[in-house]
Amino acid sequence: MKFSSIKAFLGGLKLPEFLSTPNEVHALIEGIADGYCPWQSRYEPTDKLVESIRKEHHYYSAGTVVGFATFIFSVAGAVSLVLGVIV
């Protein structure tokens, strides 16, 4: 693959738009928190949070995947520390 074709592909990604608004950041962080804590939340979401998630649901969904993966790796790390084995 030529460098010019890679550059053309990456130029179409528009990376400066990634997490460029507070709603996007808020939705991603809330998704990570919800993914890392799989149990039921004890608080009611505010209207601002619900609006952020509704507008930027794809960031929230990506955050839940990242949060859940982090939770799984944390549990695996804790088990390997307790049992003294590498999982």
PDB file of N, CA and C in Angstrom:
ATOM      1  N   MET A   1       0.841  -1.170   0.000  1.00  0.00           N
ATOM      2  CA  MET A   1       0.000   0.000   0.000  1.00  0.00           C
ATOM      3  C   MET A   1       0.889   1.237   0.000  1.00  0.00           C
ATOM      4  N   LYS A   2       0.593   2.156  -0.842  1.00  0.00           N
ATOM      5  CA  LYS A   2       1.378   3.375  -0.949  1.00  0.00           C
ATOM      6  C   LYS A   2       1.064   4.322   0.203  1.00  0.00           C
ATOM      7  N   PHE A   3       2.065   5.129   0.555  1.00  0.00           N
ATOM      8  CA  PHE A   3       1.882   6.110   1.618  1.00  0.00           C
ATOM      9  C   PHE A   3       0.786   7.107   1.282  1.00  0.00           C
ATOM     10  N   SER A   4       0.685   7.500   0.020  1.00  0.00           N
ATOM     11  CA  SER A   4      -0.315   8.497  -0.368  1.00  0.00           C
ATOM     12  C   SER A   4      -1.733   7.970  -0.151  1.00  0.00           C
ATOM     13  N   SER A   5      -1.955   6.667  -0.372  1.00  0.00           N
ATOM     14  CA  SER A   5      -3.289   6.125  -0.153  1.00  0.00           C
ATOM     15  C   SER A   5      -3.615   6.032   1.338  1.00  0.00           C
ATOM     16  N   ILE A   6      -2.604   5.740   2.167  1.00  0.00           N
ATOM     17  CA  ILE A   6      -2.825   5.722   3.616  1.00  0.00           C
ATOM     18  C   ILE A   6      -3.143   7.124   4.112  1.00  0.00           C
ATOM     19  N   LYS A   7      -2.392   8.100   3.612  1.00  0.00           N
ATOM     20  CA  LYS A   7      -2.622   9.485   4.004  1.00  0.00           C
ATOM     21  C   LYS A   7      -4.020   9.936   3.576  1.00  0.00           C
ATOM     22  N   ALA A   8      -4.444   9.533   2.401  1.00  0.00           N
ATOM     23  CA  ALA A   8      -5.781   9.897   1.930  1.00  0.00           C
ATOM     24  C   ALA A   8      -6.851   9.265   2.818  1.00  0.00           C
ATOM     25  N   PHE A   9      -6.628   8.021   3.238  1.00  0.00           N
ATOM     26  CA  PHE A   9      -7.587   7.346   4.129  1.00  0.00           C
ATOM     27  C   PHE A   9      -7.660   8.050   5.472  1.00  0.00           C
ATOM     28  N   LEU A  10      -6.513   8.333   6.067  1.00  0.00           N
ATOM     29  CA  LEU A  10      -6.494   8.982   7.369  1.00  0.00           C
ATOM     30  C   LEU A  10      -7.030  10.402   7.308  1.00  0.00           C
ATOM     31  N   GLY A  11      -6.883  11.047   6.176  1.00  0.00           N
ATOM     32  CA  GLY A  11      -7.421  12.393   6.016  1.00  0.00           C
ATOM     33  C   GLY A  11      -8.935  12.413   6.055  1.00  0.00           C
ATOM     34  N   GLY A  12      -9.572  11.316   5.715  1.00  0.00           N
ATOM     35  CA  GLY A  12     -11.024  11.236   5.744  1.00  0.00           C
ATOM     36  C   GLY A  12     -11.608  10.932   7.104  1.00  0.00           C
ATOM     37  N   LEU A  13     -10.765  10.638   8.095  1.00  0.00           N
ATOM     38  CA  LEU A  13     -11.278  10.295   9.424  1.00  0.00           C
ATOM     39  C   LEU A  13     -11.740  11.505  10.230  1.00  0.00           C
ATOM     40  N   LYS A  14     -11.220  12.688   9.955  1.00  0.00           N
ATOM     41  CA  LYS A  14     -11.597  13.918  10.640  1.00  0.00           C
ATOM     42  C   LYS A  14     -11.380  13.797  12.147  1.00  0.00           C
ATOM     43  N   LEU A  15     -10.167  13.467  12.552  1.00  0.00           N
ATOM     44  CA  LEU A  15      -9.856  13.283  13.963  1.00  0.00           C
ATOM     45  C   LEU A  15     -10.043  14.526  14.824  1.00  0.00           C
ATOM     46  N   PRO A  16      -9.904  15.740  14.311  1.00  0.00           N
ATOM     47  CA  PRO A  16     -10.161  16.896  15.178  1.00  0.00           C
ATOM     48  C   PRO A  16     -11.600  16.952  15.709  1.00  0.00           C
ATOM     49  N   GLU A  17     -12.510  16.215  15.093  1.00  0.00           N
ATOM     50  CA  GLU A  17     -13.891  16.200  15.561  1.00  0.00           C
ATOM     51  C   GLU A  17     -14.126  15.163  16.649  1.00  0.00           C
ATOM     52  N   PHE A  18     -13.137  14.329  16.955  1.00  0.00           N
ATOM     53  CA  PHE A  18     -13.286  13.295  17.974  1.00  0.00           C
ATOM     54  C   PHE A  18     -13.254  13.936  19.356  1.00  0.00           C
ATOM     55  N   LEU A  19     -14.295  13.743  20.134  1.00  0.00           N
ATOM     56  CA  LEU A  19     -14.434  14.306  21.478  1.00  0.00           C
ATOM     57  C   LEU A  19     -14.225  15.820  21.482  1.00  0.00           C
ATOM     58  N   SER A  20     -14.863  16.485  20.561  1.00  0.00           N
ATOM     59  CA  SER A  20     -14.664  17.930  20.428  1.00  0.00           C
ATOM     60  C   SER A  20     -15.710  18.756  21.166  1.00  0.00           C
ATOM     61  N   THR A  21     -16.749  18.125  21.707  1.00  0.00           N
ATOM     62  CA  THR A  21     -17.765  18.866  22.456  1.00  0.00           C
ATOM     63  C   THR A  21     -17.911  18.290  23.857  1.00  0.00           C
ATOM     64  N   PRO A  22     -18.390  19.082  24.800  1.00  0.00           N
ATOM     65  CA  PRO A  22     -18.593  18.569  26.160  1.00  0.00           C
ATOM     66  C   PRO A  22     -19.597  17.412  26.217  1.00  0.00           C
ATOM     67  N   ASN A  23     -20.617  17.429  25.360  1.00  0.00           N
ATOM     68  CA  ASN A  23     -21.583  16.325  25.355  1.00  0.00           C
ATOM     69  C   ASN A  23     -20.925  15.007  24.978  1.00  0.00           C
ATOM     70  N   GLU A  24     -19.985  15.043  24.034  1.00  0.00           N
ATOM     71  CA  GLU A  24     -19.286  13.821  23.623  1.00  0.00           C
ATOM     72  C   GLU A  24     -18.428  13.284  24.761  1.00  0.00           C
ATOM     73  N   VAL A  25     -17.692  14.163  25.419  1.00  0.00           N
ATOM     74  CA  VAL A  25     -16.842  13.751  26.540  1.00  0.00           C
ATOM     75  C   VAL A  25     -17.699  13.211  27.683  1.00  0.00           C
ATOM     76  N   HIS A  26     -18.783  13.911  27.987  1.00  0.00           N
ATOM     77  CA  HIS A  26     -19.675  13.498  29.065  1.00  0.00           C
ATOM     78  C   HIS A  26     -20.283  12.127  28.792  1.00  0.00           C
ATOM     79  N   ALA A  27     -20.741  11.895  27.578  1.00  0.00           N
ATOM     80  CA  ALA A  27     -21.340  10.610  27.219  1.00  0.00           C
ATOM     81  C   ALA A  27     -20.302   9.488  27.294  1.00  0.00           C
ATOM     82  N   LEU A  28     -19.080   9.740  26.827  1.00  0.00           N
ATOM     83  CA  LEU A  28     -18.035   8.715  26.871  1.00  0.00           C
ATOM     84  C   LEU A  28     -17.666   8.362  28.305  1.00  0.00           C
ATOM     85  N   ILE A  29     -17.455   9.360  29.150  1.00  0.00           N
ATOM     86  CA  ILE A  29     -17.080   9.096  30.548  1.00  0.00           C
ATOM     87  C   ILE A  29     -18.206   8.380  31.279  1.00  0.00           C
ATOM     88  N   GLU A  30     -19.427   8.781  31.054  1.00  0.00           N
ATOM     89  CA  GLU A  30     -20.558   8.103  31.701  1.00  0.00           C
ATOM     90  C   GLU A  30     -20.691   6.669  31.206  1.00  0.00           C
ATOM     91  N   GLY A  31     -20.422   6.435  29.932  1.00  0.00           N
ATOM     92  CA  GLY A  31     -20.441   5.074  29.402  1.00  0.00           C
ATOM     93  C   GLY A  31     -19.362   4.210  30.033  1.00  0.00           C
ATOM     94  N   ILE A  32     -18.156   4.763  30.213  1.00  0.00           N
ATOM     95  CA  ILE A  32     -17.079   4.014  30.867  1.00  0.00           C
ATOM     96  C   ILE A  32     -17.476   3.668  32.295  1.00  0.00           C
ATOM     97  N   ALA A  33     -18.047   4.639  33.012  1.00  0.00           N
ATOM     98  CA  ALA A  33     -18.471   4.389  34.392  1.00  0.00           C
ATOM     99  C   ALA A  33     -19.567   3.324  34.453  1.00  0.00           C
ATOM    100  N   ASP A  34     -20.536   3.401  33.563  1.00  0.00           N
ATOM    101  CA  ASP A  34     -21.614   2.410  33.553  1.00  0.00           C
ATOM    102  C   ASP A  34     -21.125   1.030  33.128  1.00  0.00           C
ATOM    103  N   GLY A  35     -20.144   0.971  32.257  1.00  0.00           N
ATOM    104  CA  GLY A  35     -19.595  -0.314  31.838  1.00  0.00           C
ATOM    105  C   GLY A  35     -18.724  -0.937  32.910  1.00  0.00           C
ATOM    106  N   TYR A  36     -17.986  -0.102  33.654  1.00  0.00           N
ATOM    107  CA  TYR A  36     -17.099  -0.621  34.699  1.00  0.00           C
ATOM    108  C   TYR A  36     -17.883  -1.108  35.908  1.00  0.00           C
ATOM    109  N   CYS A  37     -19.012  -0.498  36.184  1.00  0.00           N
ATOM    110  CA  CYS A  37     -19.850  -0.886  37.329  1.00  0.00           C
ATOM    111  C   CYS A  37     -21.102  -1.570  36.802  1.00  0.00           C
ATOM    112  N   PRO A  38     -21.088  -2.905  36.653  1.00  0.00           N
ATOM    113  CA  PRO A  38     -22.216  -3.588  36.014  1.00  0.00           C
ATOM    114  C   PRO A  38     -23.476  -3.677  36.877  1.00  0.00           C
ATOM    115  N   TRP A  39     -23.397  -3.316  38.145  1.00  0.00           N
ATOM    116  CA  TRP A  39     -24.574  -3.376  39.002  1.00  0.00           C
ATOM    117  C   TRP A  39     -25.433  -2.131  38.817  1.00  0.00           C
ATOM    118  N   GLN A  40     -26.646  -2.177  39.369  1.00  0.00           N
ATOM    119  CA  GLN A  40     -27.618  -1.095  39.208  1.00  0.00           C
ATOM    120  C   GLN A  40     -27.134   0.174  39.912  1.00  0.00           C
ATOM    121  N   SER A  41     -27.299   1.291  39.259  1.00  0.00           N
ATOM    122  CA  SER A  41     -26.900   2.574  39.820  1.00  0.00           C
ATOM    123  C   SER A  41     -27.849   2.990  40.933  1.00  0.00           C
ATOM    124  N   ARG A  42     -27.319   3.719  41.915  1.00  0.00           N
ATOM    125  CA  ARG A  42     -28.140   4.194  43.027  1.00  0.00           C
ATOM    126  C   ARG A  42     -28.565   5.644  42.861  1.00  0.00           C
ATOM    127  N   TYR A  43     -28.301   6.249  41.744  1.00  0.00           N
ATOM    128  CA  TYR A  43     -28.671   7.642  41.552  1.00  0.00           C
ATOM    129  C   TYR A  43     -29.528   7.780  40.308  1.00  0.00           C
ATOM    130  N   GLU A  44     -30.291   8.842  40.294  1.00  0.00           N
ATOM    131  CA  GLU A  44     -31.118   9.158  39.132  1.00  0.00           C
ATOM    132  C   GLU A  44     -30.318  10.071  38.210  1.00  0.00           C
ATOM    133  N   PRO A  45     -30.262   9.763  36.916  1.00  0.00           N
ATOM    134  CA  PRO A  45     -29.521  10.636  36.000  1.00  0.00           C
ATOM    135  C   PRO A  45     -30.211  11.986  35.852  1.00  0.00           C
ATOM    136  N   THR A  46     -29.395  13.016  35.720  1.00  0.00           N
ATOM    137  CA  THR A  46     -29.939  14.357  35.525  1.00  0.00           C
ATOM    138  C   THR A  46     -30.410  14.510  34.081  1.00  0.00           C
ATOM    139  N   ASP A  47     -31.177  15.552  33.862  1.00  0.00           N
ATOM    140  CA  ASP A  47     -31.651  15.828  32.503  1.00  0.00           C
ATOM    141  C   ASP A  47     -30.489  16.107  31.561  1.00  0.00           C
ATOM    142  N   LYS A  48     -29.441  16.779  32.071  1.00  0.00           N
ATOM    143  CA  LYS A  48     -28.268  17.084  31.241  1.00  0.00           C
ATOM    144  C   LYS A  48     -27.564  15.798  30.818  1.00  0.00           C
ATOM    145  N   LEU A  49     -27.457  14.834  31.732  1.00  0.00           N
ATOM    146  CA  LEU A  49     -26.825  13.559  31.406  1.00  0.00           C
ATOM    147  C   LEU A  49     -27.653  12.788  30.383  1.00  0.00           C
ATOM    148  N   VAL A  50     -28.931  12.731  30.578  1.00  0.00           N
ATOM    149  CA  VAL A  50     -29.804  12.015  29.636  1.00  0.00           C
ATOM    150  C   VAL A  50     -29.710  12.643  28.248  1.00  0.00           C
ATOM    151  N   GLU A  51     -29.669  13.968  28.199  1.00  0.00           N
ATOM    152  CA  GLU A  51     -29.559  14.665  26.904  1.00  0.00           C
ATOM    153  C   GLU A  51     -28.204  14.382  26.246  1.00  0.00           C
ATOM    154  N   SER A  52     -27.119  14.364  27.043  1.00  0.00           N
ATOM    155  CA  SER A  52     -25.790  14.067  26.488  1.00  0.00           C
ATOM    156  C   SER A  52     -25.754  12.666  25.897  1.00  0.00           C
ATOM    157  N   ILE A  53     -26.314  11.707  26.618  1.00  0.00           N
ATOM    158  CA  ILE A  53     -26.321  10.322  26.134  1.00  0.00           C
ATOM    159  C   ILE A  53     -27.209  10.191  24.903  1.00  0.00           C
ATOM    160  N   ARG A  54     -28.336  10.876  24.893  1.00  0.00           N
ATOM    161  CA  ARG A  54     -29.237  10.785  23.743  1.00  0.00           C
ATOM    162  C   ARG A  54     -28.589  11.373  22.484  1.00  0.00           C
ATOM    163  N   LYS A  55     -27.890  12.503  22.638  1.00  0.00           N
ATOM    164  CA  LYS A  55     -27.267  13.149  21.473  1.00  0.00           C
ATOM    165  C   LYS A  55     -26.046  12.386  20.983  1.00  0.00           C
ATOM    166  N   GLU A  56     -25.283  11.817  21.889  1.00  0.00           N
ATOM    167  CA  GLU A  56     -24.011  11.168  21.538  1.00  0.00           C
ATOM    168  C   GLU A  56     -24.005   9.709  21.982  1.00  0.00           C
ATOM    169  N   HIS A  57     -25.035   8.972  21.573  1.00  0.00           N
ATOM    170  CA  HIS A  57     -25.176   7.595  22.034  1.00  0.00           C
ATOM    171  C   HIS A  57     -24.016   6.707  21.593  1.00  0.00           C
ATOM    172  N   HIS A  58     -23.414   6.986  20.447  1.00  0.00           N
ATOM    173  CA  HIS A  58     -22.300   6.162  19.973  1.00  0.00           C
ATOM    174  C   HIS A  58     -21.089   6.297  20.898  1.00  0.00           C
ATOM    175  N   TYR A  59     -20.873   7.485  21.474  1.00  0.00           N
ATOM    176  CA  TYR A  59     -19.781   7.640  22.433  1.00  0.00           C
ATOM    177  C   TYR A  59     -20.103   6.894  23.731  1.00  0.00           C
ATOM    178  N   TYR A  60     -21.365   6.950  24.156  1.00  0.00           N
ATOM    179  CA  TYR A  60     -21.779   6.224  25.359  1.00  0.00           C
ATOM    180  C   TYR A  60     -21.601   4.718  25.161  1.00  0.00           C
ATOM    181  N   SER A  61     -21.996   4.211  24.007  1.00  0.00           N
ATOM    182  CA  SER A  61     -21.865   2.780  23.723  1.00  0.00           C
ATOM    183  C   SER A  61     -20.401   2.348  23.704  1.00  0.00           C
ATOM    184  N   ALA A  62     -19.555   3.140  23.073  1.00  0.00           N
ATOM    185  CA  ALA A  62     -18.119   2.828  23.058  1.00  0.00           C
ATOM    186  C   ALA A  62     -17.558   2.863  24.478  1.00  0.00           C
ATOM    187  N   GLY A  63     -18.014   3.804  25.274  1.00  0.00           N
ATOM    188  CA  GLY A  63     -17.569   3.891  26.663  1.00  0.00           C
ATOM    189  C   GLY A  63     -17.970   2.685  27.485  1.00  0.00           C
ATOM    190  N   THR A  64     -19.182   2.159  27.275  1.00  0.00           N
ATOM    191  CA  THR A  64     -19.595   0.977  28.029  1.00  0.00           C
ATOM    192  C   THR A  64     -18.732  -0.226  27.660  1.00  0.00           C
ATOM    193  N   VAL A  65     -18.356  -0.353  26.408  1.00  0.00           N
ATOM    194  CA  VAL A  65     -17.481  -1.456  25.984  1.00  0.00           C
ATOM    195  C   VAL A  65     -16.106  -1.313  26.648  1.00  0.00           C
ATOM    196  N   VAL A  66     -15.545  -0.107  26.617  1.00  0.00           N
ATOM    197  CA  VAL A  66     -14.235   0.131  27.242  1.00  0.00           C
ATOM    198  C   VAL A  66     -14.320  -0.104  28.754  1.00  0.00           C
ATOM    199  N   GLY A  67     -15.366   0.387  29.381  1.00  0.00           N
ATOM    200  CA  GLY A  67     -15.537   0.202  30.822  1.00  0.00           C
ATOM    201  C   GLY A  67     -15.692  -1.253  31.208  1.00  0.00           C
ATOM    202  N   PHE A  68     -16.467  -2.008  30.444  1.00  0.00           N
ATOM    203  CA  PHE A  68     -16.667  -3.419  30.769  1.00  0.00           C
ATOM    204  C   PHE A  68     -15.382  -4.216  30.553  1.00  0.00           C
ATOM    205  N   ALA A  69     -14.647  -3.903  29.485  1.00  0.00           N
ATOM    206  CA  ALA A  69     -13.362  -4.575  29.253  1.00  0.00           C
ATOM    207  C   ALA A  69     -12.382  -4.269  30.382  1.00  0.00           C
ATOM    208  N   THR A  70     -12.375  -3.035  30.845  1.00  0.00           N
ATOM    209  CA  THR A  70     -11.519  -2.658  31.971  1.00  0.00           C
ATOM    210  C   THR A  70     -11.920  -3.413  33.231  1.00  0.00           C
ATOM    211  N   PHE A  71     -13.215  -3.573  33.455  1.00  0.00           N
ATOM    212  CA  PHE A  71     -13.702  -4.330  34.610  1.00  0.00           C
ATOM    213  C   PHE A  71     -13.242  -5.788  34.536  1.00  0.00           C
ATOM    214  N   ILE A  72     -13.375  -6.397  33.374  1.00  0.00           N
ATOM    215  CA  ILE A  72     -12.959  -7.799  33.207  1.00  0.00           C
ATOM    216  C   ILE A  72     -11.465  -7.945  33.450  1.00  0.00           C
ATOM    217  N   PHE A  73     -10.660  -7.044  32.894  1.00  0.00           N
ATOM    218  CA  PHE A  73      -9.211  -7.111  33.110  1.00  0.00           C
ATOM    219  C   PHE A  73      -8.855  -6.858  34.572  1.00  0.00           C
ATOM    220  N   SER A  74      -9.601  -5.992  35.252  1.00  0.00           N
ATOM    221  CA  SER A  74      -9.357  -5.749  36.670  1.00  0.00           C
ATOM    222  C   SER A  74      -9.651  -6.995  37.500  1.00  0.00           C
ATOM    223  N   VAL A  75     -10.753  -7.662  37.210  1.00  0.00           N
ATOM    224  CA  VAL A  75     -11.099  -8.893  37.924  1.00  0.00           C
ATOM    225  C   VAL A  75     -10.062  -9.972  37.633  1.00  0.00           C
ATOM    226  N   ALA A  76      -9.655 -10.108  36.381  1.00  0.00           N
ATOM    227  CA  ALA A  76      -8.642 -11.108  36.034  1.00  0.00           C
ATOM    228  C   ALA A  76      -7.320 -10.808  36.734  1.00  0.00           C
ATOM    229  N   GLY A  77      -6.957  -9.533  36.821  1.00  0.00           N
ATOM    230  CA  GLY A  77      -5.727  -9.156  37.521  1.00  0.00           C
ATOM    231  C   GLY A  77      -5.806  -9.442  39.001  1.00  0.00           C
ATOM    232  N   ALA A  78      -6.950  -9.167  39.612  1.00  0.00           N
ATOM    233  CA  ALA A  78      -7.121  -9.449  41.039  1.00  0.00           C
ATOM    234  C   ALA A  78      -7.066 -10.948  41.305  1.00  0.00           C
ATOM    235  N   VAL A  79      -7.698 -11.744  40.460  1.00  0.00           N
ATOM    236  CA  VAL A  79      -7.663 -13.202  40.615  1.00  0.00           C
ATOM    237  C   VAL A  79      -6.240 -13.711  40.469  1.00  0.00           C
ATOM    238  N   SER A  80      -5.507 -13.189  39.498  1.00  0.00           N
ATOM    239  CA  SER A  80      -4.132 -13.668  39.312  1.00  0.00           C
ATOM    240  C   SER A  80      -3.232 -13.252  40.483  1.00  0.00           C
ATOM    241  N   LEU A  81      -3.491 -12.098  41.081  1.00  0.00           N
ATOM    242  CA  LEU A  81      -2.740 -11.700  42.263  1.00  0.00           C
ATOM    243  C   LEU A  81      -3.042 -12.594  43.469  1.00  0.00           C
ATOM    244  N   VAL A  82      -4.311 -12.919  43.645  1.00  0.00           N
ATOM    245  CA  VAL A  82      -4.717 -13.747  44.783  1.00  0.00           C
ATOM    246  C   VAL A  82      -4.230 -15.178  44.607  1.00  0.00           C
ATOM    247  N   LEU A  83      -4.391 -15.724  43.423  1.00  0.00           N
ATOM    248  CA  LEU A  83      -4.031 -17.110  43.193  1.00  0.00           C
ATOM    249  C   LEU A  83      -2.567 -17.292  42.823  1.00  0.00           C
ATOM    250  N   GLY A  84      -1.903 -16.194  42.484  1.00  0.00           N
ATOM    251  CA  GLY A  84      -0.508 -16.269  42.106  1.00  0.00           C
ATOM    252  C   GLY A  84      -0.245 -16.909  40.758  1.00  0.00           C
ATOM    253  N   VAL A  85      -1.225 -16.825  39.894  1.00  0.00           N
ATOM    254  CA  VAL A  85      -1.070 -17.382  38.542  1.00  0.00           C
ATOM    255  C   VAL A  85      -1.362 -16.295  37.530  1.00  0.00           C
ATOM    256  N   ILE A  86      -0.884 -16.505  36.334  1.00  0.00           N
ATOM    257  CA  ILE A  86      -1.197 -15.581  35.253  1.00  0.00           C
ATOM    258  C   ILE A  86      -2.372 -16.141  34.482  1.00  0.00           C
ATOM    259  N   VAL A  87      -3.409 -15.342  34.363  1.00  0.00           N
ATOM    260  CA  VAL A  87      -4.627 -15.792  33.694  1.00  0.00           C
ATOM    261  C   VAL A  87      -4.449 -15.682  32.215  1.00  0.00           C
TER     262      VAL A  87
END
